[in-house]
């Protein structure tokens, strides 16, 4: 199993990636996602995948995916449906996916705020990047899966940190 970021490639999502992305989702169920969210994710891929990315190995195997949505004013964005194939957890792929998305957003001149929501199981990961929780909803996703709404303010220092961390 390749575990070097130099061996991973990022590219735009294609409709032919849908089954691989659903497999990535399934590998994280029920630890991170609930089975009932699969249909929501599937519909997202069908209708809102224009800024969705796939991370793959050099042989073209998808091992991670994630996207973002930019607000109408261009000053805020939300990260959405970021995930890594379970067998690839702990190898730096989540960092690779997050920093690629943050780097893209940090290059937008008006961008000042990035939001996301995640379960308590991944909050620590996002906190390492400066995200702060502003609201917690107990059992939002299901029993024992609490929603943490988080934000990251992009000031000049944070933008430099993101752009140099890749």
Protein backbone atom coordinates (compact mmCIF):
# COMPACT_ATOMS: atom_id res chain seq x y z
CA UNK A 1 0.00 0.00 0.00
CA UNK A 2 1.51 3.33 -1.06
CA UNK A 3 1.58 5.78 1.82
CA UNK A 4 3.47 8.77 0.44
CA UNK A 5 1.69 11.98 -0.61
CA UNK A 6 4.00 12.07 -3.63
CA UNK A 7 2.33 8.89 -4.80
CA UNK A 8 -1.20 10.29 -4.53
CA UNK A 9 -2.95 12.32 -7.20
CA UNK A 10 -5.83 14.73 -6.84
CA UNK A 11 -8.28 15.24 -9.66
CA UNK A 12 -11.82 16.40 -10.29
CA UNK A 13 -14.67 13.96 -9.68
CA UNK A 14 -16.13 12.17 -12.71
CA UNK A 15 -19.50 10.43 -12.85
CA UNK A 16 -17.62 7.14 -13.29
CA UNK A 17 -16.18 7.64 -9.75
CA UNK A 18 -19.55 7.31 -8.06
CA UNK A 19 -19.28 3.62 -7.09
CA UNK A 20 -15.72 4.09 -5.78
CA UNK A 21 -16.83 7.09 -3.68
CA UNK A 22 -19.76 5.09 -2.31
CA UNK A 23 -17.29 2.32 -1.42
CA UNK A 24 -15.20 4.88 0.49
CA UNK A 25 -18.37 6.02 2.26
CA UNK A 26 -19.33 2.42 3.09
CA UNK A 27 -15.88 1.75 4.57
CA UNK A 28 -16.56 4.53 7.10
CA UNK A 29 -20.03 3.29 8.08
CA UNK A 30 -21.14 3.21 10.90
CA UNK A 31 -18.04 4.69 12.60
CA UNK A 32 -18.27 8.09 10.90
CA UNK A 33 -21.38 8.00 8.72
CA UNK A 34 -24.73 6.35 9.20
CA UNK A 35 -26.08 3.98 6.56
CA UNK A 36 -29.09 6.30 6.21
CA UNK A 37 -26.77 9.08 4.93
CA UNK A 38 -25.64 7.00 1.93
CA UNK A 39 -28.58 8.08 -0.22
CA UNK A 40 -27.95 11.75 0.65
CA UNK A 41 -24.30 11.39 -0.37
CA UNK A 42 -25.27 9.58 -3.56
CA UNK A 43 -27.65 12.39 -4.53
CA UNK A 44 -24.95 14.95 -3.72
CA UNK A 45 -22.62 13.20 -6.18
CA UNK A 46 -25.37 13.25 -8.82
CA UNK A 47 -26.21 16.93 -8.42
CA UNK A 48 -23.41 18.94 -6.77
CA UNK A 49 -20.10 17.36 -7.70
CA UNK A 50 -18.62 20.23 -9.73
CA UNK A 51 -16.15 21.10 -6.93
CA UNK A 52 -15.68 17.55 -5.65
CA UNK A 53 -12.24 15.94 -5.71
CA UNK A 54 -10.99 12.38 -5.82
CA UNK A 55 -7.63 11.33 -4.41
CA UNK A 56 -6.19 8.26 -6.07
CA UNK A 57 -3.07 6.14 -6.05
CA UNK A 58 -0.69 6.22 -9.01
CA UNK A 59 -2.49 3.20 -10.43
CA UNK A 60 -5.77 5.16 -10.45
CA UNK A 61 -7.49 3.57 -7.44
CA UNK A 62 -9.69 6.12 -5.60
CA UNK A 63 -8.78 6.20 -1.89
CA UNK A 64 -10.29 9.50 -0.76
CA UNK A 65 -12.74 12.19 -1.80
CA UNK A 66 -14.09 15.51 -0.65
CA UNK A 67 -15.43 18.81 -1.87
CA UNK A 68 -16.48 22.30 -1.02
CA UNK A 69 -19.27 24.74 -1.78
CA UNK A 70 -18.57 28.45 -2.08
CA UNK A 71 -21.17 30.89 -0.77
CA UNK A 72 -22.83 33.39 -3.10
CA UNK A 73 -20.70 36.32 -1.93
CA UNK A 74 -17.43 34.39 -2.41
CA UNK A 75 -16.30 35.17 1.12
CA UNK A 76 -17.27 31.91 2.77
CA UNK A 77 -17.20 28.24 1.88
CA UNK A 78 -18.26 24.94 3.39
CA UNK A 79 -16.24 21.75 3.20
CA UNK A 80 -18.42 18.76 2.43
CA UNK A 81 -18.28 14.99 2.34
CA UNK A 82 -14.55 14.60 2.97
CA UNK A 83 -13.57 10.99 3.58
CA UNK A 84 -10.75 8.49 3.25
CA UNK A 85 -11.01 4.77 2.57
CA UNK A 86 -10.84 3.12 6.00
CA UNK A 87 -7.78 1.03 5.09
CA UNK A 88 -5.93 4.31 4.42
CA UNK A 89 -6.68 6.02 7.75
CA UNK A 90 -3.59 7.20 9.60
CA UNK A 91 -1.37 7.52 6.52
CA UNK A 92 -1.67 11.29 5.99
CA UNK A 93 -4.31 11.10 3.28
CA UNK A 94 -6.85 13.10 5.32
CA UNK A 95 -4.28 15.87 5.74
CA UNK A 96 -3.52 15.73 2.02
CA UNK A 97 -7.21 16.04 1.14
CA UNK A 98 -7.87 18.82 3.64
CA UNK A 99 -4.82 20.91 2.74
CA UNK A 100 -5.60 20.64 -0.98
CA UNK A 101 -9.13 21.91 -0.41
CA UNK A 102 -8.01 24.65 1.99
CA UNK A 103 -5.26 25.74 -0.40
CA UNK A 104 -7.77 26.10 -3.24
CA UNK A 105 -10.07 28.19 -1.06
CA UNK A 106 -7.26 30.29 0.44
CA UNK A 107 -6.34 31.50 -3.05
CA UNK A 108 -9.74 33.16 -3.51
CA UNK A 109 -9.16 36.85 -2.62
CA UNK A 110 -12.47 37.42 -0.77
CA UNK A 111 -12.40 34.08 1.10
CA UNK A 112 -12.38 34.69 4.87
CA UNK A 113 -14.45 31.91 6.43
CA UNK A 114 -14.52 28.14 5.98
CA UNK A 115 -17.17 26.04 7.70
CA UNK A 116 -17.77 22.35 8.11
CA UNK A 117 -19.69 19.97 10.26
CA UNK A 118 -18.32 16.71 11.56
CA UNK A 119 -19.01 14.12 14.21
CA UNK A 120 -17.09 14.15 17.45
CA UNK A 121 -14.89 11.40 16.03
CA UNK A 122 -13.05 13.77 13.68
CA UNK A 123 -13.17 17.06 15.58
CA UNK A 124 -9.60 16.74 16.90
CA UNK A 125 -8.27 16.37 13.37
CA UNK A 126 -9.87 19.63 12.28
CA UNK A 127 -8.84 21.44 15.46
CA UNK A 128 -5.19 20.79 14.53
CA UNK A 129 -5.79 23.00 11.49
CA UNK A 130 -7.32 25.82 13.51
CA UNK A 131 -11.00 24.98 13.19
CA UNK A 132 -13.11 25.88 16.21
CA UNK A 133 -16.43 24.40 17.26
CA UNK A 134 -19.25 26.92 17.57
CA UNK A 135 -22.20 24.56 18.06
CA UNK A 136 -22.72 20.96 19.11
CA UNK A 137 -25.97 19.10 18.49
CA UNK A 138 -26.19 15.88 20.48
CA UNK A 139 -27.25 12.77 18.51
CA UNK A 140 -27.79 14.86 15.35
CA UNK A 141 -26.60 12.18 12.95
CA UNK A 142 -27.97 9.36 15.07
CA UNK A 143 -27.55 7.83 18.53
CA UNK A 144 -24.05 8.61 19.76
CA UNK A 145 -23.04 10.66 16.69
CA UNK A 146 -22.97 14.32 17.65
CA UNK A 147 -22.72 17.12 15.10
CA UNK A 148 -19.97 19.69 15.66
CA UNK A 149 -20.34 22.79 13.52
CA UNK A 150 -16.89 24.29 13.04
CA UNK A 151 -15.28 27.30 11.40
CA UNK A 152 -11.87 28.55 10.36
CA UNK A 153 -11.11 32.26 9.90
CA UNK A 154 -8.74 32.91 7.02
CA UNK A 155 -6.49 35.81 7.94
CA UNK A 156 -3.17 36.49 6.20
CA UNK A 157 -1.17 34.37 8.67
CA UNK A 158 -3.51 31.36 8.34
CA UNK A 159 -3.48 31.66 4.53
CA UNK A 160 0.34 31.60 4.49
CA UNK A 161 0.37 28.58 6.80
CA UNK A 162 -2.06 26.67 4.58
CA UNK A 163 -0.25 27.52 1.35
CA UNK A 164 3.14 26.47 2.73
CA UNK A 165 1.94 23.25 4.42
CA UNK A 166 1.43 21.32 1.20
